[in-house]
Amino acid sequence: MTKQIELSLEQICEQGCRSVNKVIQQLENGEVIESTRHLNESQQKILLQELKSIMAVYGETGSCELK
């Protein structure tokens, strides 16, 4: 994972799990969002997979509402 992806991941996760879920949905819909605008398409795919992996933990524990 590149430093650019790591920085985006950190910025997105700092916003909380509900915001992360929203970002996941936006990326899946192909939307361009401010925190990923500087990433190319393959980097955005990597970021999306990382976000999904992180959020899978919340899904298993039920500690964050998934929508």
PDB file of N, CA and C in Angstrom:
ATOM      1  N   MET A   1       0.848  -1.172   0.000  1.00  0.00           N
ATOM      2  CA  MET A   1       0.000   0.000   0.000  1.00  0.00           C
ATOM      3  C   MET A   1       0.899   1.243   0.000  1.00  0.00           C
ATOM      4  N   THR A   2       0.541   2.200  -0.806  1.00  0.00           N
ATOM      5  CA  THR A   2       1.349   3.417  -0.913  1.00  0.00           C
ATOM      6  C   THR A   2       1.036   4.388   0.221  1.00  0.00           C
ATOM      7  N   LYS A   3       1.930   5.330   0.390  1.00  0.00           N
ATOM      8  CA  LYS A   3       1.748   6.360   1.423  1.00  0.00           C
ATOM      9  C   LYS A   3       0.478   7.173   1.158  1.00  0.00           C
ATOM     10  N   GLN A   4       0.179   7.432  -0.119  1.00  0.00           N
ATOM     11  CA  GLN A   4      -1.028   8.196  -0.470  1.00  0.00           C
ATOM     12  C   GLN A   4      -2.283   7.452  -0.009  1.00  0.00           C
ATOM     13  N   ILE A   5      -2.308   6.141  -0.229  1.00  0.00           N
ATOM     14  CA  ILE A   5      -3.468   5.348   0.186  1.00  0.00           C
ATOM     15  C   ILE A   5      -3.564   5.336   1.707  1.00  0.00           C
ATOM     16  N   GLU A   6      -2.443   5.146   2.366  1.00  0.00           N
ATOM     17  CA  GLU A   6      -2.427   5.129   3.827  1.00  0.00           C
ATOM     18  C   GLU A   6      -2.964   6.436   4.402  1.00  0.00           C
ATOM     19  N   LEU A   7      -2.543   7.563   3.836  1.00  0.00           N
ATOM     20  CA  LEU A   7      -3.013   8.858   4.326  1.00  0.00           C
ATOM     21  C   LEU A   7      -4.519   9.016   4.129  1.00  0.00           C
ATOM     22  N   SER A   8      -5.014   8.603   2.970  1.00  0.00           N
ATOM     23  CA  SER A   8      -6.453   8.680   2.712  1.00  0.00           C
ATOM     24  C   SER A   8      -7.211   7.779   3.673  1.00  0.00           C
ATOM     25  N   LEU A   9      -6.690   6.585   3.879  1.00  0.00           N
ATOM     26  CA  LEU A   9      -7.320   5.630   4.785  1.00  0.00           C
ATOM     27  C   LEU A   9      -7.420   6.213   6.193  1.00  0.00           C
ATOM     28  N   GLU A  10      -6.337   6.804   6.649  1.00  0.00           N
ATOM     29  CA  GLU A  10      -6.308   7.406   7.982  1.00  0.00           C
ATOM     30  C   GLU A  10      -7.312   8.550   8.091  1.00  0.00           C
ATOM     31  N   GLN A  11      -7.340   9.421   7.087  1.00  0.00           N
ATOM     32  CA  GLN A  11      -8.260  10.561   7.102  1.00  0.00           C
ATOM     33  C   GLN A  11      -9.719  10.092   7.127  1.00  0.00           C
ATOM     34  N   ILE A  12     -10.026   9.100   6.336  1.00  0.00           N
ATOM     35  CA  ILE A  12     -11.401   8.602   6.264  1.00  0.00           C
ATOM     36  C   ILE A  12     -11.792   7.939   7.585  1.00  0.00           C
ATOM     37  N   CYS A  13     -10.913   7.111   8.133  1.00  0.00           N
ATOM     38  CA  CYS A  13     -11.230   6.387   9.367  1.00  0.00           C
ATOM     39  C   CYS A  13     -11.378   7.315  10.571  1.00  0.00           C
ATOM     40  N   GLU A  14     -10.685   8.434  10.553  1.00  0.00           N
ATOM     41  CA  GLU A  14     -10.800   9.401  11.651  1.00  0.00           C
ATOM     42  C   GLU A  14     -12.205   9.988  11.755  1.00  0.00           C
ATOM     43  N   GLN A  15     -12.983   9.885  10.696  1.00  0.00           N
ATOM     44  CA  GLN A  15     -14.330  10.456  10.674  1.00  0.00           C
ATOM     45  C   GLN A  15     -15.366   9.557  11.349  1.00  0.00           C
ATOM     46  N   GLY A  16     -14.985   8.338  11.682  1.00  0.00           N
ATOM     47  CA  GLY A  16     -15.902   7.433  12.362  1.00  0.00           C
ATOM     48  C   GLY A  16     -16.493   6.405  11.422  1.00  0.00           C
ATOM     49  N   CYS A  17     -17.012   5.345  12.013  1.00  0.00           N
ATOM     50  CA  CYS A  17     -17.437   4.202  11.205  1.00  0.00           C
ATOM     51  C   CYS A  17     -18.632   4.498  10.303  1.00  0.00           C
ATOM     52  N   ARG A  18     -19.541   5.331  10.729  1.00  0.00           N
ATOM     53  CA  ARG A  18     -20.673   5.649   9.856  1.00  0.00           C
ATOM     54  C   ARG A  18     -20.222   6.415   8.614  1.00  0.00           C
ATOM     55  N   SER A  19     -19.265   7.305   8.810  1.00  0.00           N
ATOM     56  CA  SER A  19     -18.707   8.042   7.670  1.00  0.00           C
ATOM     57  C   SER A  19     -17.944   7.107   6.746  1.00  0.00           C
ATOM     58  N   VAL A  20     -17.240   6.139   7.328  1.00  0.00           N
ATOM     59  CA  VAL A  20     -16.513   5.171   6.517  1.00  0.00           C
ATOM     60  C   VAL A  20     -17.492   4.374   5.663  1.00  0.00           C
ATOM     61  N   ASN A  21     -18.598   3.973   6.252  1.00  0.00           N
ATOM     62  CA  ASN A  21     -19.619   3.241   5.487  1.00  0.00           C
ATOM     63  C   ASN A  21     -20.135   4.074   4.319  1.00  0.00           C
ATOM     64  N   LYS A  22     -20.299   5.356   4.548  1.00  0.00           N
ATOM     65  CA  LYS A  22     -20.762   6.250   3.480  1.00  0.00           C
ATOM     66  C   LYS A  22     -19.715   6.330   2.367  1.00  0.00           C
ATOM     67  N   VAL A  23     -18.446   6.447   2.741  1.00  0.00           N
ATOM     68  CA  VAL A  23     -17.370   6.506   1.756  1.00  0.00           C
ATOM     69  C   VAL A  23     -17.315   5.217   0.946  1.00  0.00           C
ATOM     70  N   ILE A  24     -17.467   4.080   1.620  1.00  0.00           N
ATOM     71  CA  ILE A  24     -17.483   2.795   0.909  1.00  0.00           C
ATOM     72  C   ILE A  24     -18.583   2.790  -0.134  1.00  0.00           C
ATOM     73  N   GLN A  25     -19.760   3.224   0.263  1.00  0.00           N
ATOM     74  CA  GLN A  25     -20.892   3.257  -0.665  1.00  0.00           C
ATOM     75  C   GLN A  25     -20.598   4.194  -1.845  1.00  0.00           C
ATOM     76  N   GLN A  26     -20.040   5.356  -1.556  1.00  0.00           N
ATOM     77  CA  GLN A  26     -19.723   6.313  -2.616  1.00  0.00           C
ATOM     78  C   GLN A  26     -18.694   5.738  -3.594  1.00  0.00           C
ATOM     79  N   LEU A  27     -17.657   5.102  -3.064  1.00  0.00           N
ATOM     80  CA  LEU A  27     -16.626   4.520  -3.930  1.00  0.00           C
ATOM     81  C   LEU A  27     -17.197   3.378  -4.769  1.00  0.00           C
ATOM     82  N   GLU A  28     -18.067   2.573  -4.156  1.00  0.00           N
ATOM     83  CA  GLU A  28     -18.696   1.485  -4.908  1.00  0.00           C
ATOM     84  C   GLU A  28     -19.572   2.016  -6.037  1.00  0.00           C
ATOM     85  N   ASN A  29     -20.136   3.206  -5.836  1.00  0.00           N
ATOM     86  CA  ASN A  29     -20.976   3.829  -6.852  1.00  0.00           C
ATOM     87  C   ASN A  29     -20.164   4.615  -7.881  1.00  0.00           C
ATOM     88  N   GLY A  30     -18.838   4.606  -7.733  1.00  0.00           N
ATOM     89  CA  GLY A  30     -17.972   5.300  -8.677  1.00  0.00           C
ATOM     90  C   GLY A  30     -17.922   6.799  -8.488  1.00  0.00           C
ATOM     91  N   GLU A  31     -18.386   7.273  -7.333  1.00  0.00           N
ATOM     92  CA  GLU A  31     -18.379   8.706  -7.066  1.00  0.00           C
ATOM     93  C   GLU A  31     -16.959   9.167  -6.719  1.00  0.00           C
ATOM     94  N   VAL A  32     -16.637  10.379  -7.091  1.00  0.00           N
ATOM     95  CA  VAL A  32     -15.361  10.981  -6.726  1.00  0.00           C
ATOM     96  C   VAL A  32     -15.600  11.793  -5.463  1.00  0.00           C
ATOM     97  N   ILE A  33     -14.818  11.495  -4.433  1.00  0.00           N
ATOM     98  CA  ILE A  33     -14.953  12.231  -3.178  1.00  0.00           C
ATOM     99  C   ILE A  33     -13.641  12.943  -2.889  1.00  0.00           C
ATOM    100  N   GLU A  34     -13.716  13.986  -2.114  1.00  0.00           N
ATOM    101  CA  GLU A  34     -12.557  14.853  -1.864  1.00  0.00           C
ATOM    102  C   GLU A  34     -11.363  14.079  -1.306  1.00  0.00           C
ATOM    103  N   SER A  35     -11.602  13.172  -0.380  1.00  0.00           N
ATOM    104  CA  SER A  35     -10.488  12.477   0.272  1.00  0.00           C
ATOM    105  C   SER A  35      -9.804  11.440  -0.614  1.00  0.00           C
ATOM    106  N   THR A  36     -10.373  11.153  -1.786  1.00  0.00           N
ATOM    107  CA  THR A  36      -9.739  10.191  -2.690  1.00  0.00           C
ATOM    108  C   THR A  36      -9.455  10.781  -4.067  1.00  0.00           C
ATOM    109  N   ARG A  37      -9.722  12.040  -4.228  1.00  0.00           N
ATOM    110  CA  ARG A  37      -9.573  12.705  -5.532  1.00  0.00           C
ATOM    111  C   ARG A  37      -8.151  12.568  -6.095  1.00  0.00           C
ATOM    112  N   HIS A  38      -7.154  12.558  -5.235  1.00  0.00           N
ATOM    113  CA  HIS A  38      -5.759  12.492  -5.665  1.00  0.00           C
ATOM    114  C   HIS A  38      -5.291  11.081  -6.015  1.00  0.00           C
ATOM    115  N   LEU A  39      -6.134  10.079  -5.776  1.00  0.00           N
ATOM    116  CA  LEU A  39      -5.757   8.690  -6.059  1.00  0.00           C
ATOM    117  C   LEU A  39      -6.222   8.283  -7.451  1.00  0.00           C
ATOM    118  N   ASN A  40      -5.433   7.444  -8.107  1.00  0.00           N
ATOM    119  CA  ASN A  40      -5.875   6.928  -9.399  1.00  0.00           C
ATOM    120  C   ASN A  40      -6.871   5.779  -9.159  1.00  0.00           C
ATOM    121  N   GLU A  41      -7.410   5.241 -10.226  1.00  0.00           N
ATOM    122  CA  GLU A  41      -8.471   4.237 -10.108  1.00  0.00           C
ATOM    123  C   GLU A  41      -8.006   2.984  -9.359  1.00  0.00           C
ATOM    124  N   SER A  42      -6.817   2.500  -9.658  1.00  0.00           N
ATOM    125  CA  SER A  42      -6.341   1.290  -8.977  1.00  0.00           C
ATOM    126  C   SER A  42      -6.076   1.561  -7.492  1.00  0.00           C
ATOM    127  N   GLN A  43      -5.597   2.744  -7.166  1.00  0.00           N
ATOM    128  CA  GLN A  43      -5.397   3.101  -5.760  1.00  0.00           C
ATOM    129  C   GLN A  43      -6.735   3.197  -5.025  1.00  0.00           C
ATOM    130  N   GLN A  44      -7.736   3.727  -5.698  1.00  0.00           N
ATOM    131  CA  GLN A  44      -9.059   3.817  -5.082  1.00  0.00           C
ATOM    132  C   GLN A  44      -9.629   2.425  -4.820  1.00  0.00           C
ATOM    133  N   LYS A  45      -9.373   1.482  -5.709  1.00  0.00           N
ATOM    134  CA  LYS A  45      -9.837   0.103  -5.503  1.00  0.00           C
ATOM    135  C   LYS A  45      -9.154  -0.521  -4.295  1.00  0.00           C
ATOM    136  N   ILE A  46      -7.858  -0.275  -4.166  1.00  0.00           N
ATOM    137  CA  ILE A  46      -7.119  -0.786  -3.006  1.00  0.00           C
ATOM    138  C   ILE A  46      -7.675  -0.167  -1.728  1.00  0.00           C
ATOM    139  N   LEU A  47      -7.898   1.131  -1.748  1.00  0.00           N
ATOM    140  CA  LEU A  47      -8.451   1.833  -0.594  1.00  0.00           C
ATOM    141  C   LEU A  47      -9.814   1.254  -0.228  1.00  0.00           C
ATOM    142  N   LEU A  48     -10.649   1.025  -1.210  1.00  0.00           N
ATOM    143  CA  LEU A  48     -11.978   0.467  -0.968  1.00  0.00           C
ATOM    144  C   LEU A  48     -11.867  -0.898  -0.296  1.00  0.00           C
ATOM    145  N   GLN A  49     -10.975  -1.746  -0.767  1.00  0.00           N
ATOM    146  CA  GLN A  49     -10.798  -3.066  -0.163  1.00  0.00           C
ATOM    147  C   GLN A  49     -10.307  -2.949   1.276  1.00  0.00           C
ATOM    148  N   GLU A  50      -9.401  -2.018   1.523  1.00  0.00           N
ATOM    149  CA  GLU A  50      -8.900  -1.796   2.884  1.00  0.00           C
ATOM    150  C   GLU A  50     -10.023  -1.329   3.810  1.00  0.00           C
ATOM    151  N   LEU A  51     -10.831  -0.406   3.329  1.00  0.00           N
ATOM    152  CA  LEU A  51     -11.954   0.092   4.131  1.00  0.00           C
ATOM    153  C   LEU A  51     -12.940  -1.036   4.442  1.00  0.00           C
ATOM    154  N   LYS A  52     -13.222  -1.868   3.452  1.00  0.00           N
ATOM    155  CA  LYS A  52     -14.138  -2.989   3.671  1.00  0.00           C
ATOM    156  C   LYS A  52     -13.563  -3.965   4.698  1.00  0.00           C
ATOM    157  N   SER A  53     -12.273  -4.206   4.638  1.00  0.00           N
ATOM    158  CA  SER A  53     -11.628  -5.106   5.601  1.00  0.00           C
ATOM    159  C   SER A  53     -11.734  -4.557   7.017  1.00  0.00           C
ATOM    160  N   ILE A  54     -11.483  -3.276   7.140  1.00  0.00           N
ATOM    161  CA  ILE A  54     -11.580  -2.631   8.455  1.00  0.00           C
ATOM    162  C   ILE A  54     -13.009  -2.704   8.975  1.00  0.00           C
ATOM    163  N   MET A  55     -13.955  -2.407   8.121  1.00  0.00           N
ATOM    164  CA  MET A  55     -15.357  -2.374   8.556  1.00  0.00           C
ATOM    165  C   MET A  55     -15.922  -3.768   8.815  1.00  0.00           C
ATOM    166  N   ALA A  56     -15.310  -4.796   8.279  1.00  0.00           N
ATOM    167  CA  ALA A  56     -15.760  -6.162   8.535  1.00  0.00           C
ATOM    168  C   ALA A  56     -15.687  -6.472  10.027  1.00  0.00           C
ATOM    169  N   VAL A  57     -14.695  -5.907  10.705  1.00  0.00           N
ATOM    170  CA  VAL A  57     -14.564  -6.106  12.153  1.00  0.00           C
ATOM    171  C   VAL A  57     -15.781  -5.528  12.869  1.00  0.00           C
ATOM    172  N   TYR A  58     -16.211  -4.339  12.460  1.00  0.00           N
ATOM    173  CA  TYR A  58     -17.369  -3.719  13.078  1.00  0.00           C
ATOM    174  C   TYR A  58     -18.634  -4.536  12.797  1.00  0.00           C
ATOM    175  N   GLY A  59     -18.714  -5.096  11.612  1.00  0.00           N
ATOM    176  CA  GLY A  59     -19.867  -5.920  11.254  1.00  0.00           C
ATOM    177  C   GLY A  59     -19.957  -7.167  12.112  1.00  0.00           C
ATOM    178  N   GLU A  60     -18.810  -7.758  12.417  1.00  0.00           N
ATOM    179  CA  GLU A  60     -18.772  -8.959  13.238  1.00  0.00           C
ATOM    180  C   GLU A  60     -19.125  -8.657  14.690  1.00  0.00           C
ATOM    181  N   THR A  61     -18.704  -7.529  15.195  1.00  0.00           N
ATOM    182  CA  THR A  61     -18.936  -7.190  16.600  1.00  0.00           C
ATOM    183  C   THR A  61     -20.257  -6.465  16.802  1.00  0.00           C
ATOM    184  N   GLY A  62     -20.830  -5.943  15.719  1.00  0.00           N
ATOM    185  CA  GLY A  62     -22.073  -5.191  15.826  1.00  0.00           C
ATOM    186  C   GLY A  62     -21.892  -3.849  16.511  1.00  0.00           C
ATOM    187  N   SER A  63     -20.665  -3.341  16.527  1.00  0.00           N
ATOM    188  CA  SER A  63     -20.388  -2.097  17.250  1.00  0.00           C
ATOM    189  C   SER A  63     -20.607  -0.850  16.405  1.00  0.00           C
ATOM    190  N   CYS A  64     -20.928  -1.018  15.135  1.00  0.00           N
ATOM    191  CA  CYS A  64     -21.218   0.126  14.286  1.00  0.00           C
ATOM    192  C   CYS A  64     -22.327  -0.291  13.327  1.00  0.00           C
ATOM    193  N   GLU A  65     -23.309   0.537  13.234  1.00  0.00           N
ATOM    194  CA  GLU A  65     -24.427   0.263  12.359  1.00  0.00           C
ATOM    195  C   GLU A  65     -23.983   0.233  10.910  1.00  0.00           C
ATOM    196  N   LEU A  66     -24.259  -0.858  10.221  1.00  0.00           N
ATOM    197  CA  LEU A  66     -23.924  -0.979   8.804  1.00  0.00           C
ATOM    198  C   LEU A  66     -25.172  -0.755   7.990  1.00  0.00           C
ATOM    199  N   LYS A  67     -25.063   0.124   6.999  1.00  0.00           N
ATOM    200  CA  LYS A  67     -26.210   0.390   6.121  1.00  0.00           C
ATOM    201  C   LYS A  67     -25.784   0.221   4.703  1.00  0.00           C
TER     202      LYS A  67
END
